[in-house]
Amino acid sequence: MSESTAGQDGRAQEYARMIKPGDAVETPDGALWVVDGMVGPSRYALVSAYRGAVDGIVYRDRENDVVTTIVPAAHVTKIADARQVRRS
């Protein structure tokens, strides 16, 4: 493997670990959320979400049932990429 390929693989893995809008995250209390955006350099704006009972997919809550919050970045763990999150 060339050095340039190794560097690209490292950047791709680093990018995949980054928390971006649309990604699903979990807070320490076990609640599921979808990232709506960043608030300042170290806080995320979150929208409530849930895991489908049958398929296990993370769904963003419907617009009329949505709960929002702002949480420090240190209190979220990425559990799914935005491509794996669905709207209910």
PDB file of N, CA and C in Angstrom:
ATOM      1  N   MET A   1       0.858  -1.175   0.000  1.00  0.00           N
ATOM      2  CA  MET A   1       0.000   0.000   0.000  1.00  0.00           C
ATOM      3  C   MET A   1       0.900   1.233   0.000  1.00  0.00           C
ATOM      4  N   SER A   2       0.577   2.159  -0.873  1.00  0.00           N
ATOM      5  CA  SER A   2       1.390   3.370  -0.938  1.00  0.00           C
ATOM      6  C   SER A   2       1.056   4.288   0.227  1.00  0.00           C
ATOM      7  N   GLU A   3       1.966   5.246   0.470  1.00  0.00           N
ATOM      8  CA  GLU A   3       1.734   6.201   1.553  1.00  0.00           C
ATOM      9  C   GLU A   3       0.483   7.026   1.317  1.00  0.00           C
ATOM     10  N   SER A   4       0.234   7.422   0.070  1.00  0.00           N
ATOM     11  CA  SER A   4      -0.931   8.249  -0.218  1.00  0.00           C
ATOM     12  C   SER A   4      -2.225   7.484   0.038  1.00  0.00           C
ATOM     13  N   THR A   5      -2.252   6.205  -0.284  1.00  0.00           N
ATOM     14  CA  THR A   5      -3.443   5.390  -0.026  1.00  0.00           C
ATOM     15  C   THR A   5      -3.655   5.229   1.468  1.00  0.00           C
ATOM     16  N   ALA A   6      -2.584   5.007   2.214  1.00  0.00           N
ATOM     17  CA  ALA A   6      -2.707   4.854   3.661  1.00  0.00           C
ATOM     18  C   ALA A   6      -3.244   6.140   4.278  1.00  0.00           C
ATOM     19  N   GLY A   7      -2.759   7.287   3.813  1.00  0.00           N
ATOM     20  CA  GLY A   7      -3.230   8.563   4.326  1.00  0.00           C
ATOM     21  C   GLY A   7      -4.692   8.781   4.026  1.00  0.00           C
ATOM     22  N   GLN A   8      -5.143   8.386   2.842  1.00  0.00           N
ATOM     23  CA  GLN A   8      -6.546   8.535   2.468  1.00  0.00           C
ATOM     24  C   GLN A   8      -7.425   7.652   3.346  1.00  0.00           C
ATOM     25  N   ASP A   9      -6.987   6.426   3.615  1.00  0.00           N
ATOM     26  CA  ASP A   9      -7.755   5.523   4.474  1.00  0.00           C
ATOM     27  C   ASP A   9      -7.899   6.113   5.870  1.00  0.00           C
ATOM     28  N   GLY A  10      -6.838   6.699   6.386  1.00  0.00           N
ATOM     29  CA  GLY A  10      -6.887   7.314   7.710  1.00  0.00           C
ATOM     30  C   GLY A  10      -7.842   8.486   7.751  1.00  0.00           C
ATOM     31  N   ARG A  11      -7.832   9.301   6.707  1.00  0.00           N
ATOM     32  CA  ARG A  11      -8.747  10.450   6.648  1.00  0.00           C
ATOM     33  C   ARG A  11     -10.185   9.977   6.520  1.00  0.00           C
ATOM     34  N   ALA A  12     -10.421   8.929   5.763  1.00  0.00           N
ATOM     35  CA  ALA A  12     -11.779   8.401   5.598  1.00  0.00           C
ATOM     36  C   ALA A  12     -12.305   7.873   6.930  1.00  0.00           C
ATOM     37  N   GLN A  13     -11.456   7.192   7.676  1.00  0.00           N
ATOM     38  CA  GLN A  13     -11.872   6.675   8.985  1.00  0.00           C
ATOM     39  C   GLN A  13     -12.118   7.815   9.958  1.00  0.00           C
ATOM     40  N   GLU A  14     -11.261   8.837   9.924  1.00  0.00           N
ATOM     41  CA  GLU A  14     -11.440   9.995  10.796  1.00  0.00           C
ATOM     42  C   GLU A  14     -12.752  10.713  10.460  1.00  0.00           C
ATOM     43  N   TYR A  15     -13.044  10.879   9.177  1.00  0.00           N
ATOM     44  CA  TYR A  15     -14.278  11.531   8.759  1.00  0.00           C
ATOM     45  C   TYR A  15     -15.499  10.716   9.197  1.00  0.00           C
ATOM     46  N   ALA A  16     -15.415   9.398   9.098  1.00  0.00           N
ATOM     47  CA  ALA A  16     -16.532   8.531   9.504  1.00  0.00           C
ATOM     48  C   ALA A  16     -16.800   8.640  11.005  1.00  0.00           C
ATOM     49  N   ARG A  17     -15.764   8.883  11.812  1.00  0.00           N
ATOM     50  CA  ARG A  17     -15.936   9.013  13.262  1.00  0.00           C
ATOM     51  C   ARG A  17     -16.516  10.374  13.668  1.00  0.00           C
ATOM     52  N   MET A  18     -16.341  11.374  12.821  1.00  0.00           N
ATOM     53  CA  MET A  18     -16.846  12.718  13.131  1.00  0.00           C
ATOM     54  C   MET A  18     -18.373  12.690  13.251  1.00  0.00           C
ATOM     55  N   ILE A  19     -18.893  13.496  14.166  1.00  0.00           N
ATOM     56  CA  ILE A  19     -20.338  13.614  14.329  1.00  0.00           C
ATOM     57  C   ILE A  19     -20.797  14.799  13.490  1.00  0.00           C
ATOM     58  N   LYS A  20     -21.713  14.499  12.546  1.00  0.00           N
ATOM     59  CA  LYS A  20     -22.179  15.495  11.593  1.00  0.00           C
ATOM     60  C   LYS A  20     -23.707  15.597  11.655  1.00  0.00           C
ATOM     61  N   PRO A  21     -24.285  16.688  11.150  1.00  0.00           N
ATOM     62  CA  PRO A  21     -25.752  16.794  11.113  1.00  0.00           C
ATOM     63  C   PRO A  21     -26.372  15.589  10.410  1.00  0.00           C
ATOM     64  N   GLY A  22     -27.432  15.079  11.008  1.00  0.00           N
ATOM     65  CA  GLY A  22     -28.115  13.905  10.472  1.00  0.00           C
ATOM     66  C   GLY A  22     -27.692  12.600  11.106  1.00  0.00           C
ATOM     67  N   ASP A  23     -26.527  12.578  11.771  1.00  0.00           N
ATOM     68  CA  ASP A  23     -26.060  11.357  12.437  1.00  0.00           C
ATOM     69  C   ASP A  23     -26.901  11.077  13.678  1.00  0.00           C
ATOM     70  N   ALA A  24     -27.016   9.811  14.034  1.00  0.00           N
ATOM     71  CA  ALA A  24     -27.699   9.420  15.270  1.00  0.00           C
ATOM     72  C   ALA A  24     -26.669   9.315  16.382  1.00  0.00           C
ATOM     73  N   VAL A  25     -27.039   9.840  17.553  1.00  0.00           N
ATOM     74  CA  VAL A  25     -26.160   9.790  18.716  1.00  0.00           C
ATOM     75  C   VAL A  25     -26.959   9.311  19.927  1.00  0.00           C
ATOM     76  N   GLU A  26     -26.217   8.894  20.938  1.00  0.00           N
ATOM     77  CA  GLU A  26     -26.813   8.460  22.199  1.00  0.00           C
ATOM     78  C   GLU A  26     -26.204   9.285  23.323  1.00  0.00           C
ATOM     79  N   THR A  27     -27.027   9.677  24.279  1.00  0.00           N
ATOM     80  CA  THR A  27     -26.537  10.405  25.453  1.00  0.00           C
ATOM     81  C   THR A  27     -26.302   9.404  26.582  1.00  0.00           C
ATOM     82  N   PRO A  28     -25.593   9.802  27.634  1.00  0.00           N
ATOM     83  CA  PRO A  28     -25.276   8.868  28.717  1.00  0.00           C
ATOM     84  C   PRO A  28     -26.503   8.206  29.364  1.00  0.00           C
ATOM     85  N   ASP A  29     -27.666   8.852  29.290  1.00  0.00           N
ATOM     86  CA  ASP A  29     -28.878   8.257  29.867  1.00  0.00           C
ATOM     87  C   ASP A  29     -29.533   7.246  28.938  1.00  0.00           C
ATOM     88  N   GLY A  30     -28.940   6.991  27.775  1.00  0.00           N
ATOM     89  CA  GLY A  30     -29.459   6.000  26.839  1.00  0.00           C
ATOM     90  C   GLY A  30     -30.454   6.554  25.834  1.00  0.00           C
ATOM     91  N   ALA A  31     -30.724   7.856  25.863  1.00  0.00           N
ATOM     92  CA  ALA A  31     -31.674   8.457  24.921  1.00  0.00           C
ATOM     93  C   ALA A  31     -31.037   8.563  23.538  1.00  0.00           C
ATOM     94  N   LEU A  32     -31.863   8.355  22.503  1.00  0.00           N
ATOM     95  CA  LEU A  32     -31.402   8.474  21.119  1.00  0.00           C
ATOM     96  C   LEU A  32     -31.806   9.825  20.558  1.00  0.00           C
ATOM     97  N   TRP A  33     -30.896  10.399  19.762  1.00  0.00           N
ATOM     98  CA  TRP A  33     -31.108  11.716  19.183  1.00  0.00           C
ATOM     99  C   TRP A  33     -30.525  11.741  17.781  1.00  0.00           C
ATOM    100  N   VAL A  34     -30.989  12.700  16.967  1.00  0.00           N
ATOM    101  CA  VAL A  34     -30.382  12.968  15.669  1.00  0.00           C
ATOM    102  C   VAL A  34     -29.789  14.370  15.748  1.00  0.00           C
ATOM    103  N   VAL A  35     -28.570  14.509  15.270  1.00  0.00           N
ATOM    104  CA  VAL A  35     -27.882  15.799  15.317  1.00  0.00           C
ATOM    105  C   VAL A  35     -28.515  16.745  14.294  1.00  0.00           C
ATOM    106  N   ASP A  36     -28.951  17.898  14.788  1.00  0.00           N
ATOM    107  CA  ASP A  36     -29.548  18.919  13.933  1.00  0.00           C
ATOM    108  C   ASP A  36     -28.500  19.943  13.515  1.00  0.00           C
ATOM    109  N   GLY A  37     -27.439  20.091  14.296  1.00  0.00           N
ATOM    110  CA  GLY A  37     -26.363  21.022  13.970  1.00  0.00           C
ATOM    111  C   GLY A  37     -25.473  21.289  15.162  1.00  0.00           C
ATOM    112  N   MET A  38     -24.506  22.156  14.954  1.00  0.00           N
ATOM    113  CA  MET A  38     -23.586  22.552  16.021  1.00  0.00           C
ATOM    114  C   MET A  38     -24.047  23.872  16.613  1.00  0.00           C
ATOM    115  N   VAL A  39     -23.846  24.026  17.916  1.00  0.00           N
ATOM    116  CA  VAL A  39     -24.116  25.278  18.613  1.00  0.00           C
ATOM    117  C   VAL A  39     -22.797  25.679  19.254  1.00  0.00           C
ATOM    118  N   GLY A  40     -22.101  26.577  18.615  1.00  0.00           N
ATOM    119  CA  GLY A  40     -20.773  26.923  19.101  1.00  0.00           C
ATOM    120  C   GLY A  40     -19.797  25.807  18.772  1.00  0.00           C
ATOM    121  N   PRO A  41     -18.610  25.877  19.337  1.00  0.00           N
ATOM    122  CA  PRO A  41     -17.572  24.910  18.988  1.00  0.00           C
ATOM    123  C   PRO A  41     -17.703  23.547  19.659  1.00  0.00           C
ATOM    124  N   SER A  42     -18.516  23.446  20.714  1.00  0.00           N
ATOM    125  CA  SER A  42     -18.496  22.172  21.449  1.00  0.00           C
ATOM    126  C   SER A  42     -19.856  21.718  21.953  1.00  0.00           C
ATOM    127  N   ARG A  43     -20.932  22.127  21.281  1.00  0.00           N
ATOM    128  CA  ARG A  43     -22.265  21.670  21.686  1.00  0.00           C
ATOM    129  C   ARG A  43     -23.064  21.309  20.444  1.00  0.00           C
ATOM    130  N   TYR A  44     -23.917  20.305  20.601  1.00  0.00           N
ATOM    131  CA  TYR A  44     -24.767  19.853  19.504  1.00  0.00           C
ATOM    132  C   TYR A  44     -26.225  20.180  19.783  1.00  0.00           C
ATOM    133  N   ALA A  45     -26.933  20.625  18.748  1.00  0.00           N
ATOM    134  CA  ALA A  45     -28.385  20.758  18.800  1.00  0.00           C
ATOM    135  C   ALA A  45     -28.936  19.406  18.358  1.00  0.00           C
ATOM    136  N   LEU A  46     -29.789  18.814  19.188  1.00  0.00           N
ATOM    137  CA  LEU A  46     -30.290  17.461  18.934  1.00  0.00           C
ATOM    138  C   LEU A  46     -31.807  17.441  18.794  1.00  0.00           C
ATOM    139  N   VAL A  47     -32.294  16.477  18.024  1.00  0.00           N
ATOM    140  CA  VAL A  47     -33.721  16.243  17.822  1.00  0.00           C
ATOM    141  C   VAL A  47     -33.999  14.806  18.253  1.00  0.00           C
ATOM    142  N   SER A  48     -35.102  14.614  18.967  1.00  0.00           N
ATOM    143  CA  SER A  48     -35.408  13.285  19.506  1.00  0.00           C
ATOM    144  C   SER A  48     -35.547  12.231  18.411  1.00  0.00           C
ATOM    145  N   ALA A  49     -35.231  11.003  18.775  1.00  0.00           N
ATOM    146  CA  ALA A  49     -35.273   9.875  17.848  1.00  0.00           C
ATOM    147  C   ALA A  49     -35.622   8.607  18.626  1.00  0.00           C
ATOM    148  N   TYR A  50     -35.870   7.539  17.896  1.00  0.00           N
ATOM    149  CA  TYR A  50     -36.136   6.246  18.527  1.00  0.00           C
ATOM    150  C   TYR A  50     -35.653   5.138  17.609  1.00  0.00           C
ATOM    151  N   ARG A  51     -35.507   3.944  18.157  1.00  0.00           N
ATOM    152  CA  ARG A  51     -35.075   2.778  17.383  1.00  0.00           C
ATOM    153  C   ARG A  51     -36.311   1.936  17.072  1.00  0.00           C
ATOM    154  N   GLY A  52     -36.478   1.580  15.815  1.00  0.00           N
ATOM    155  CA  GLY A  52     -37.602   0.758  15.395  1.00  0.00           C
ATOM    156  C   GLY A  52     -37.591  -0.590  16.103  1.00  0.00           C
ATOM    157  N   ALA A  53     -38.733  -0.996  16.631  1.00  0.00           N
ATOM    158  CA  ALA A  53     -38.821  -2.248  17.390  1.00  0.00           C
ATOM    159  C   ALA A  53     -38.571  -3.466  16.515  1.00  0.00           C
ATOM    160  N   VAL A  54     -38.989  -3.425  15.275  1.00  0.00           N
ATOM    161  CA  VAL A  54     -38.861  -4.582  14.394  1.00  0.00           C
ATOM    162  C   VAL A  54     -37.544  -4.572  13.623  1.00  0.00           C
ATOM    163  N   ASP A  55     -37.200  -3.412  13.050  1.00  0.00           N
ATOM    164  CA  ASP A  55     -36.031  -3.356  12.180  1.00  0.00           C
ATOM    165  C   ASP A  55     -34.758  -2.833  12.836  1.00  0.00           C
ATOM    166  N   GLY A  56     -34.861  -2.227  14.017  1.00  0.00           N
ATOM    167  CA  GLY A  56     -33.688  -1.724  14.726  1.00  0.00           C
ATOM    168  C   GLY A  56     -33.086  -0.466  14.137  1.00  0.00           C
ATOM    169  N   ILE A  57     -33.723   0.106  13.130  1.00  0.00           N
ATOM    170  CA  ILE A  57     -33.230   1.322  12.490  1.00  0.00           C
ATOM    171  C   ILE A  57     -33.571   2.521  13.371  1.00  0.00           C
ATOM    172  N   VAL A  58     -32.692   3.534  13.366  1.00  0.00           N
ATOM    173  CA  VAL A  58     -32.951   4.763  14.118  1.00  0.00           C
ATOM    174  C   VAL A  58     -33.827   5.672  13.262  1.00  0.00           C
ATOM    175  N   TYR A  59     -34.930   6.139  13.855  1.00  0.00           N
ATOM    176  CA  TYR A  59     -35.860   7.043  13.189  1.00  0.00           C
ATOM    177  C   TYR A  59     -35.899   8.372  13.933  1.00  0.00           C
ATOM    178  N   ARG A  60     -35.866   9.460  13.187  1.00  0.00           N
ATOM    179  CA  ARG A  60     -36.068  10.785  13.766  1.00  0.00           C
ATOM    180  C   ARG A  60     -37.567  10.920  14.043  1.00  0.00           C
ATOM    181  N   ASP A  61     -37.907  11.484  15.218  1.00  0.00           N
ATOM    182  CA  ASP A  61     -39.317  11.649  15.560  1.00  0.00           C
ATOM    183  C   ASP A  61     -40.048  12.508  14.539  1.00  0.00           C
ATOM    184  N   ARG A  62     -41.361  12.278  14.430  1.00  0.00           N
ATOM    185  CA  ARG A  62     -42.200  13.087  13.553  1.00  0.00           C
ATOM    186  C   ARG A  62     -42.178  14.535  14.011  1.00  0.00           C
ATOM    187  N   GLU A  63     -42.376  15.432  13.081  1.00  0.00           N
ATOM    188  CA  GLU A  63     -42.308  16.870  13.372  1.00  0.00           C
ATOM    189  C   GLU A  63     -43.226  17.289  14.516  1.00  0.00           C
ATOM    190  N   ASN A  64     -44.410  16.704  14.635  1.00  0.00           N
ATOM    191  CA  ASN A  64     -45.331  17.123  15.696  1.00  0.00           C
ATOM    192  C   ASN A  64     -45.002  16.505  17.055  1.00  0.00           C
ATOM    193  N   ASP A  65     -44.130  15.515  17.092  1.00  0.00           N
ATOM    194  CA  ASP A  65     -43.739  14.860  18.345  1.00  0.00           C
ATOM    195  C   ASP A  65     -42.308  15.178  18.757  1.00  0.00           C
ATOM    196  N   VAL A  66     -41.652  16.039  18.012  1.00  0.00           N
ATOM    197  CA  VAL A  66     -40.221  16.245  18.186  1.00  0.00           C
ATOM    198  C   VAL A  66     -39.890  17.000  19.479  1.00  0.00           C
ATOM    199  N   VAL A  67     -38.795  16.584  20.094  1.00  0.00           N
ATOM    200  CA  VAL A  67     -38.232  17.255  21.264  1.00  0.00           C
ATOM    201  C   VAL A  67     -36.826  17.671  20.856  1.00  0.00           C
ATOM    202  N   THR A  68     -36.424  18.883  21.233  1.00  0.00           N
ATOM    203  CA  THR A  68     -35.081  19.348  20.906  1.00  0.00           C
ATOM    204  C   THR A  68     -34.324  19.678  22.182  1.00  0.00           C
ATOM    205  N   THR A  69     -33.015  19.613  22.096  1.00  0.00           N
ATOM    206  CA  THR A  69     -32.160  19.953  23.231  1.00  0.00           C
ATOM    207  C   THR A  69     -30.786  20.344  22.707  1.00  0.00           C
ATOM    208  N   ILE A  70     -29.968  20.902  23.568  1.00  0.00           N
ATOM    209  CA  ILE A  70     -28.575  21.206  23.255  1.00  0.00           C
ATOM    210  C   ILE A  70     -27.722  20.511  24.300  1.00  0.00           C
ATOM    211  N   VAL A  71     -26.736  19.761  23.827  1.00  0.00           N
ATOM    212  CA  VAL A  71     -25.922  18.921  24.711  1.00  0.00           C
ATOM    213  C   VAL A  71     -24.440  19.147  24.405  1.00  0.00           C
ATOM    214  N   PRO A  72     -23.596  19.185  25.445  1.00  0.00           N
ATOM    215  CA  PRO A  72     -22.144  19.289  25.203  1.00  0.00           C
ATOM    216  C   PRO A  72     -21.651  18.105  24.373  1.00  0.00           C
ATOM    217  N   ALA A  73     -20.712  18.365  23.501  1.00  0.00           N
ATOM    218  CA  ALA A  73     -20.173  17.323  22.625  1.00  0.00           C
ATOM    219  C   ALA A  73     -19.639  16.121  23.406  1.00  0.00           C
ATOM    220  N   ALA A  74     -19.095  16.360  24.588  1.00  0.00           N
ATOM    221  CA  ALA A  74     -18.538  15.268  25.392  1.00  0.00           C
ATOM    222  C   ALA A  74     -19.601  14.287  25.875  1.00  0.00           C
ATOM    223  N   HIS A  75     -20.871  14.643  25.757  1.00  0.00           N
ATOM    224  CA  HIS A  75     -21.951  13.800  26.266  1.00  0.00           C
ATOM    225  C   HIS A  75     -22.710  13.051  25.186  1.00  0.00           C
ATOM    226  N   VAL A  76     -22.151  12.964  23.987  1.00  0.00           N
ATOM    227  CA  VAL A  76     -22.809  12.206  22.928  1.00  0.00           C
ATOM    228  C   VAL A  76     -21.853  11.184  22.333  1.00  0.00           C
ATOM    229  N   THR A  77     -22.408  10.063  21.934  1.00  0.00           N
ATOM    230  CA  THR A  77     -21.665   9.003  21.274  1.00  0.00           C
ATOM    231  C   THR A  77     -22.365   8.683  19.969  1.00  0.00           C
ATOM    232  N   LYS A  78     -21.634   8.712  18.878  1.00  0.00           N
ATOM    233  CA  LYS A  78     -22.217   8.418  17.573  1.00  0.00           C
ATOM    234  C   LYS A  78     -22.590   6.939  17.502  1.00  0.00           C
ATOM    235  N   ILE A  79     -23.830   6.660  17.063  1.00  0.00           N
ATOM    236  CA  ILE A  79     -24.251   5.269  16.931  1.00  0.00           C
ATOM    237  C   ILE A  79     -24.639   4.908  15.505  1.00  0.00           C
ATOM    238  N   ALA A  80     -24.896   5.913  14.658  1.00  0.00           N
ATOM    239  CA  ALA A  80     -25.239   5.626  13.264  1.00  0.00           C
ATOM    240  C   ALA A  80     -24.961   6.838  12.395  1.00  0.00           C
ATOM    241  N   ASP A  81     -24.476   6.587  11.215  1.00  0.00           N
ATOM    242  CA  ASP A  81     -24.241   7.614  10.232  1.00  0.00           C
ATOM    243  C   ASP A  81     -25.584   8.115   9.686  1.00  0.00           C
ATOM    244  N   ALA A  82     -25.611   9.336   9.204  1.00  0.00           N
ATOM    245  CA  ALA A  82     -26.846   9.939   8.689  1.00  0.00           C
ATOM    246  C   ALA A  82     -27.500   9.076   7.618  1.00  0.00           C
ATOM    247  N   ARG A  83     -26.727   8.334   6.857  1.00  0.00           N
ATOM    248  CA  ARG A  83     -27.291   7.481   5.799  1.00  0.00           C
ATOM    249  C   ARG A  83     -28.115   6.339   6.367  1.00  0.00           C
ATOM    250  N   GLN A  84     -27.944   6.051   7.647  1.00  0.00           N
ATOM    251  CA  GLN A  84     -28.677   4.956   8.288  1.00  0.00           C
ATOM    252  C   GLN A  84     -29.864   5.438   9.104  1.00  0.00           C
ATOM    253  N   VAL A  85     -30.101   6.756   9.152  1.00  0.00           N
ATOM    254  CA  VAL A  85     -31.200   7.325   9.932  1.00  0.00           C
ATOM    255  C   VAL A  85     -32.368   7.597   9.003  1.00  0.00           C
ATOM    256  N   ARG A  86     -33.572   7.290   9.461  1.00  0.00           N
ATOM    257  CA  ARG A  86     -34.790   7.497   8.663  1.00  0.00           C
ATOM    258  C   ARG A  86     -35.707   8.464   9.383  1.00  0.00           C
ATOM    259  N   ARG A  87     -36.550   9.132   8.626  1.00  0.00           N
ATOM    260  CA  ARG A  87     -37.613   9.964   9.201  1.00  0.00           C
ATOM    261  C   ARG A  87     -38.830   9.076   9.395  1.00  0.00           C
ATOM    262  N   SER A  88     -39.521   9.274  10.508  1.00  0.00           N
ATOM    263  CA  SER A  88     -40.719   8.448  10.752  1.00  0.00           C
ATOM    264  C   SER A  88     -41.927   9.053  10.104  1.00  0.00           C
TER     265      SER A  88
END
